[in-house]
N, C-alpha and C. Protein backbone atom coordinates (compact mmCIF):
# COMPACT_ATOMS: atom_id res chain seq x y z
N MET A 1 131.79 119.04 94.25
CA MET A 1 131.11 119.14 92.95
C MET A 1 129.60 119.32 93.13
N GLN A 2 129.07 118.78 94.21
CA GLN A 2 127.62 118.89 94.44
C GLN A 2 127.22 120.36 94.57
N GLU A 3 128.03 121.14 95.25
CA GLU A 3 127.75 122.57 95.41
C GLU A 3 127.79 123.29 94.06
N TYR A 4 128.72 122.88 93.21
CA TYR A 4 128.82 123.47 91.87
C TYR A 4 127.57 123.16 91.05
N TYR A 5 127.09 121.93 91.12
CA TYR A 5 125.89 121.55 90.36
C TYR A 5 124.65 122.30 90.88
N GLN A 6 124.58 122.52 92.19
CA GLN A 6 123.47 123.30 92.75
C GLN A 6 123.53 124.75 92.27
N LEU A 7 124.72 125.33 92.25
CA LEU A 7 124.90 126.68 91.73
C LEU A 7 124.49 126.75 90.27
N GLN A 8 124.91 125.78 89.50
CA GLN A 8 124.59 125.73 88.07
C GLN A 8 123.08 125.68 87.87
N GLN A 9 122.39 124.82 88.60
CA GLN A 9 120.94 124.71 88.47
C GLN A 9 120.24 126.01 88.89
N GLU A 10 120.71 126.62 89.96
CA GLU A 10 120.11 127.86 90.42
C GLU A 10 120.29 128.98 89.40
N LEU A 11 121.46 129.06 88.78
CA LEU A 11 121.69 130.08 87.76
C LEU A 11 120.80 129.86 86.54
N PHE A 12 120.62 128.60 86.14
CA PHE A 12 119.74 128.32 85.01
C PHE A 12 118.30 128.68 85.33
N LYS A 13 117.84 128.33 86.52
CA LYS A 13 116.46 128.65 86.91
C LYS A 13 116.25 130.16 86.99
N THR A 14 117.20 130.86 87.59
CA THR A 14 117.08 132.31 87.69
C THR A 14 117.08 132.96 86.31
N THR A 15 117.92 132.47 85.43
CA THR A 15 117.97 133.00 84.06
C THR A 15 116.65 132.78 83.35
N LEU A 16 116.07 131.60 83.50
CA LEU A 16 114.78 131.31 82.84
C LEU A 16 113.65 132.15 83.42
N VAL A 17 113.64 132.35 84.73
CA VAL A 17 112.61 133.19 85.35
C VAL A 17 112.74 134.64 84.87
N LEU A 18 113.96 135.16 84.87
CA LEU A 18 114.18 136.53 84.39
C LEU A 18 113.81 136.66 82.91
N THR A 19 114.12 135.64 82.14
CA THR A 19 113.76 135.65 80.72
C THR A 19 112.25 135.74 80.54
N GLY A 20 111.51 134.95 81.29
CA GLY A 20 110.05 134.99 81.20
C GLY A 20 109.48 136.33 81.60
N ILE A 21 109.99 136.89 82.69
CA ILE A 21 109.50 138.19 83.16
C ILE A 21 109.78 139.28 82.14
N VAL A 22 111.01 139.33 81.64
CA VAL A 22 111.38 140.37 80.69
C VAL A 22 110.66 140.16 79.36
N PHE A 23 110.52 138.91 78.91
CA PHE A 23 109.83 138.63 77.66
C PHE A 23 108.41 139.20 77.68
N PHE A 24 107.65 138.88 78.73
CA PHE A 24 106.27 139.38 78.80
C PHE A 24 106.22 140.89 78.99
N SER A 25 107.17 141.45 79.72
CA SER A 25 107.22 142.91 79.89
C SER A 25 107.49 143.61 78.55
N VAL A 26 108.42 143.08 77.78
CA VAL A 26 108.73 143.67 76.48
C VAL A 26 107.56 143.49 75.53
N TRP A 27 106.90 142.35 75.58
CA TRP A 27 105.74 142.09 74.73
C TRP A 27 104.63 143.11 75.01
N VAL A 28 104.37 143.36 76.28
CA VAL A 28 103.31 144.32 76.65
C VAL A 28 103.74 145.75 76.31
N THR A 29 105.00 146.08 76.57
CA THR A 29 105.47 147.45 76.38
C THR A 29 105.72 147.80 74.92
N TYR A 30 106.34 146.89 74.17
CA TYR A 30 106.71 147.19 72.79
C TYR A 30 105.86 146.39 71.81
N SER A 31 106.35 145.24 71.40
CA SER A 31 105.59 144.42 70.45
C SER A 31 106.05 142.97 70.56
N LEU A 32 105.29 142.08 69.97
CA LEU A 32 105.66 140.67 69.98
C LEU A 32 106.95 140.44 69.20
N ASN A 33 107.15 141.15 68.10
CA ASN A 33 108.38 140.98 67.31
C ASN A 33 109.62 141.30 68.12
N ILE A 34 109.62 142.40 68.84
CA ILE A 34 110.77 142.78 69.67
C ILE A 34 110.94 141.78 70.81
N ALA A 35 109.83 141.32 71.40
CA ALA A 35 109.90 140.34 72.48
C ALA A 35 110.49 139.02 71.98
N LEU A 36 110.13 138.62 70.76
CA LEU A 36 110.68 137.39 70.21
C LEU A 36 112.17 137.54 69.89
N ASN A 37 112.57 138.73 69.46
CA ASN A 37 114.00 138.99 69.26
C ASN A 37 114.75 138.87 70.58
N TYR A 38 114.16 139.44 71.64
CA TYR A 38 114.74 139.31 72.98
C TYR A 38 114.85 137.83 73.37
N LEU A 39 113.80 137.07 73.10
CA LEU A 39 113.77 135.65 73.46
C LEU A 39 114.85 134.86 72.72
N ILE A 40 115.08 135.19 71.47
CA ILE A 40 116.16 134.54 70.70
C ILE A 40 117.51 134.80 71.38
N GLY A 41 117.74 136.04 71.76
CA GLY A 41 118.99 136.37 72.45
C GLY A 41 119.10 135.69 73.81
N ALA A 42 118.01 135.63 74.55
CA ALA A 42 118.03 135.00 75.86
C ALA A 42 118.29 133.50 75.74
N CYS A 43 117.69 132.86 74.75
CA CYS A 43 117.95 131.43 74.52
C CYS A 43 119.41 131.19 74.15
N THR A 44 119.96 132.09 73.36
CA THR A 44 121.38 132.00 73.03
C THR A 44 122.24 132.18 74.27
N GLY A 45 121.82 133.07 75.15
CA GLY A 45 122.54 133.27 76.41
C GLY A 45 122.50 132.02 77.29
N VAL A 46 121.37 131.32 77.30
CA VAL A 46 121.27 130.08 78.09
C VAL A 46 122.19 129.01 77.50
N VAL A 47 122.22 128.92 76.18
CA VAL A 47 123.13 127.96 75.53
C VAL A 47 124.58 128.33 75.85
N TYR A 48 124.90 129.61 75.80
CA TYR A 48 126.24 130.08 76.13
C TYR A 48 126.59 129.72 77.57
N LEU A 49 125.65 129.95 78.49
CA LEU A 49 125.88 129.63 79.90
C LEU A 49 126.09 128.14 80.08
N ARG A 50 125.35 127.33 79.37
CA ARG A 50 125.50 125.87 79.44
C ARG A 50 126.89 125.45 78.91
N MET A 51 127.31 126.05 77.81
CA MET A 51 128.63 125.75 77.26
C MET A 51 129.73 126.17 78.24
N LEU A 52 129.56 127.32 78.87
CA LEU A 52 130.53 127.80 79.85
C LEU A 52 130.59 126.85 81.04
N ALA A 53 129.44 126.40 81.51
CA ALA A 53 129.41 125.48 82.64
C ALA A 53 130.11 124.17 82.29
N ARG A 54 129.91 123.69 81.09
CA ARG A 54 130.57 122.46 80.65
C ARG A 54 132.08 122.64 80.60
N ASN A 55 132.54 123.80 80.11
CA ASN A 55 133.98 124.06 80.07
C ASN A 55 134.58 124.17 81.47
N VAL A 56 133.86 124.83 82.37
CA VAL A 56 134.34 124.97 83.74
C VAL A 56 134.41 123.60 84.41
N GLU A 57 133.44 122.77 84.13
CA GLU A 57 133.41 121.42 84.70
C GLU A 57 134.62 120.59 84.25
N GLN A 58 135.09 120.82 83.05
CA GLN A 58 136.21 120.06 82.51
C GLN A 58 137.58 120.61 82.94
N LEU A 59 137.59 121.79 83.55
CA LEU A 59 138.86 122.37 83.99
C LEU A 59 139.54 121.46 84.99
N GLY A 60 140.83 121.29 84.83
CA GLY A 60 141.60 120.49 85.75
C GLY A 60 141.63 119.02 85.40
N ARG A 61 140.56 118.49 84.84
CA ARG A 61 140.52 117.08 84.47
C ARG A 61 141.00 116.87 83.05
N GLN A 62 140.41 117.62 82.13
CA GLN A 62 140.71 117.41 80.71
C GLN A 62 141.38 118.62 80.07
N ARG A 63 141.17 119.77 80.64
CA ARG A 63 141.69 121.00 80.03
C ARG A 63 142.43 121.83 81.07
N ASP A 64 143.34 122.66 80.57
CA ASP A 64 144.07 123.55 81.45
C ASP A 64 143.51 124.96 81.46
N ARG A 65 142.73 125.31 80.41
CA ARG A 65 142.15 126.66 80.34
C ARG A 65 140.82 126.60 79.61
N LEU A 66 140.07 127.68 79.71
CA LEU A 66 138.75 127.75 79.08
C LEU A 66 138.87 128.01 77.59
N SER A 67 137.92 127.49 76.86
CA SER A 67 137.88 127.69 75.42
C SER A 67 137.14 128.99 75.10
N ASN A 68 137.50 129.63 74.01
CA ASN A 68 136.84 130.87 73.59
C ASN A 68 135.85 130.66 72.46
N THR A 69 135.57 129.43 72.11
CA THR A 69 134.67 129.16 70.99
C THR A 69 133.22 129.54 71.29
N ARG A 70 132.89 129.72 72.56
CA ARG A 70 131.52 130.11 72.93
C ARG A 70 131.16 131.46 72.33
N LEU A 71 132.12 132.34 72.21
CA LEU A 71 131.84 133.67 71.67
C LEU A 71 131.41 133.61 70.21
N ALA A 72 131.79 132.57 69.51
CA ALA A 72 131.36 132.41 68.12
C ALA A 72 129.85 132.29 68.02
N LEU A 73 129.23 131.78 69.06
CA LEU A 73 127.78 131.67 69.12
C LEU A 73 127.13 133.06 69.05
N LEU A 74 127.59 133.98 69.88
CA LEU A 74 127.06 135.34 69.89
C LEU A 74 127.41 136.07 68.59
N ILE A 75 128.62 135.93 68.16
CA ILE A 75 129.05 136.62 66.93
C ILE A 75 128.23 136.15 65.74
N GLY A 76 128.01 134.84 65.65
CA GLY A 76 127.18 134.31 64.56
C GLY A 76 125.76 134.83 64.62
N LEU A 77 125.19 134.89 65.82
CA LEU A 77 123.83 135.40 65.97
C LEU A 77 123.73 136.87 65.58
N ILE A 78 124.69 137.68 65.98
CA ILE A 78 124.69 139.10 65.63
C ILE A 78 124.86 139.27 64.12
N LEU A 79 125.69 138.46 63.50
CA LEU A 79 125.84 138.53 62.04
C LEU A 79 124.54 138.18 61.33
N VAL A 80 123.87 137.14 61.77
CA VAL A 80 122.59 136.77 61.17
C VAL A 80 121.57 137.89 61.38
N ALA A 81 121.55 138.47 62.57
CA ALA A 81 120.60 139.55 62.86
C ALA A 81 120.87 140.78 62.00
N SER A 82 122.12 141.04 61.71
CA SER A 82 122.44 142.21 60.89
C SER A 82 122.06 142.01 59.42
N ARG A 83 121.98 140.77 58.99
CA ARG A 83 121.65 140.47 57.59
C ARG A 83 120.16 140.24 57.36
N TRP A 84 119.46 139.80 58.36
CA TRP A 84 118.05 139.46 58.22
C TRP A 84 117.19 140.61 58.73
N ASN A 85 116.30 141.12 57.90
CA ASN A 85 115.52 142.31 58.24
C ASN A 85 114.55 142.11 59.40
N GLN A 86 114.10 140.89 59.65
CA GLN A 86 113.14 140.63 60.73
C GLN A 86 113.78 140.67 62.11
N LEU A 87 115.09 140.50 62.18
CA LEU A 87 115.78 140.47 63.47
C LEU A 87 116.38 141.83 63.78
N GLN A 88 116.36 142.17 65.07
CA GLN A 88 116.92 143.43 65.52
C GLN A 88 118.04 143.14 66.51
N ILE A 89 119.16 143.82 66.32
CA ILE A 89 120.37 143.51 67.06
C ILE A 89 120.25 143.85 68.54
N MET A 90 119.71 145.00 68.88
CA MET A 90 119.69 145.43 70.28
C MET A 90 118.87 144.51 71.18
N PRO A 91 117.63 144.13 70.82
CA PRO A 91 116.90 143.20 71.70
C PRO A 91 117.59 141.84 71.81
N ILE A 92 118.19 141.38 70.74
CA ILE A 92 118.90 140.10 70.78
C ILE A 92 120.10 140.20 71.72
N PHE A 93 120.86 141.26 71.62
CA PHE A 93 122.03 141.42 72.48
C PHE A 93 121.62 141.56 73.95
N LEU A 94 120.58 142.34 74.21
CA LEU A 94 120.11 142.49 75.59
C LEU A 94 119.55 141.18 76.13
N GLY A 95 118.91 140.41 75.27
CA GLY A 95 118.44 139.09 75.68
C GLY A 95 119.61 138.18 76.03
N PHE A 96 120.65 138.25 75.25
CA PHE A 96 121.85 137.46 75.53
C PHE A 96 122.42 137.79 76.90
N LEU A 97 122.35 139.04 77.30
CA LEU A 97 122.90 139.47 78.58
C LEU A 97 122.04 139.09 79.78
N THR A 98 120.91 138.46 79.56
CA THR A 98 120.03 138.07 80.67
C THR A 98 120.74 137.14 81.64
N TYR A 99 121.59 136.25 81.14
CA TYR A 99 122.29 135.35 82.05
C TYR A 99 123.22 136.12 82.98
N LYS A 100 123.73 137.26 82.52
CA LYS A 100 124.58 138.09 83.38
C LYS A 100 123.75 138.75 84.48
N ALA A 101 122.52 139.13 84.15
CA ALA A 101 121.62 139.67 85.17
C ALA A 101 121.33 138.61 86.23
N ALA A 102 121.20 137.36 85.81
CA ALA A 102 120.98 136.27 86.77
C ALA A 102 122.20 136.10 87.67
N LEU A 103 123.40 136.25 87.11
CA LEU A 103 124.62 136.17 87.92
C LEU A 103 124.68 137.30 88.94
N ILE A 104 124.32 138.50 88.52
CA ILE A 104 124.32 139.65 89.44
C ILE A 104 123.28 139.45 90.53
N PHE A 105 122.10 138.97 90.14
CA PHE A 105 121.04 138.70 91.12
C PHE A 105 121.51 137.68 92.15
N TYR A 106 122.15 136.61 91.70
CA TYR A 106 122.65 135.58 92.61
C TYR A 106 123.72 136.15 93.53
N MET A 107 124.63 136.93 92.98
CA MET A 107 125.70 137.53 93.78
C MET A 107 125.14 138.46 94.85
N LEU A 108 124.19 139.31 94.47
CA LEU A 108 123.58 140.21 95.45
C LEU A 108 122.84 139.46 96.53
N ARG A 109 122.10 138.43 96.13
CA ARG A 109 121.33 137.64 97.09
C ARG A 109 122.25 136.95 98.09
N THR A 110 123.32 136.34 97.62
CA THR A 110 124.23 135.65 98.54
C THR A 110 125.01 136.63 99.41
N THR A 111 125.36 137.78 98.84
CA THR A 111 126.09 138.79 99.63
C THR A 111 125.20 139.37 100.71
N LEU A 112 123.97 139.70 100.37
CA LEU A 112 123.06 140.28 101.35
C LEU A 112 122.65 139.27 102.41
N SER A 113 122.48 138.01 102.03
CA SER A 113 122.12 137.01 103.03
C SER A 113 123.29 136.71 103.95
N ALA A 114 124.51 136.80 103.45
CA ALA A 114 125.69 136.60 104.30
C ALA A 114 125.89 137.76 105.25
N SER A 115 125.59 138.98 104.79
CA SER A 115 125.79 140.15 105.65
C SER A 115 124.70 140.25 106.71
N THR A 116 123.50 139.77 106.46
CA THR A 116 122.43 139.82 107.46
C THR A 116 122.58 138.72 108.51
N SER A 117 123.28 137.63 108.17
CA SER A 117 123.48 136.55 109.14
C SER A 117 124.60 136.88 110.12
N ASN A 118 125.42 137.88 109.81
CA ASN A 118 126.52 138.27 110.73
C ASN A 118 126.07 139.23 111.76
């Protein structure tokens, strides 16, 4: 379990670092409004990742399979964004996907470090 908790912390840190980098890049390139929309999506992605980690942690002890209620978080956010004129769907959705970029970054880093040690 200790290895799992280390992985979890590393993914959260990587997600937050990528969020900060992309937030400031979008702010400089586009506008503060679009950057804030991205940040809303990225924060939702972090909450989603936390909920996923909690469900994975409970596997085998309390549950037999993962719950799908986490997707309601994204669906609710997209519905709110589609109804509210200040929010834009694309930056929010791309912000949400930031946690996936952190997963890809972690996977590439561990794969490349394993292949260079051989």
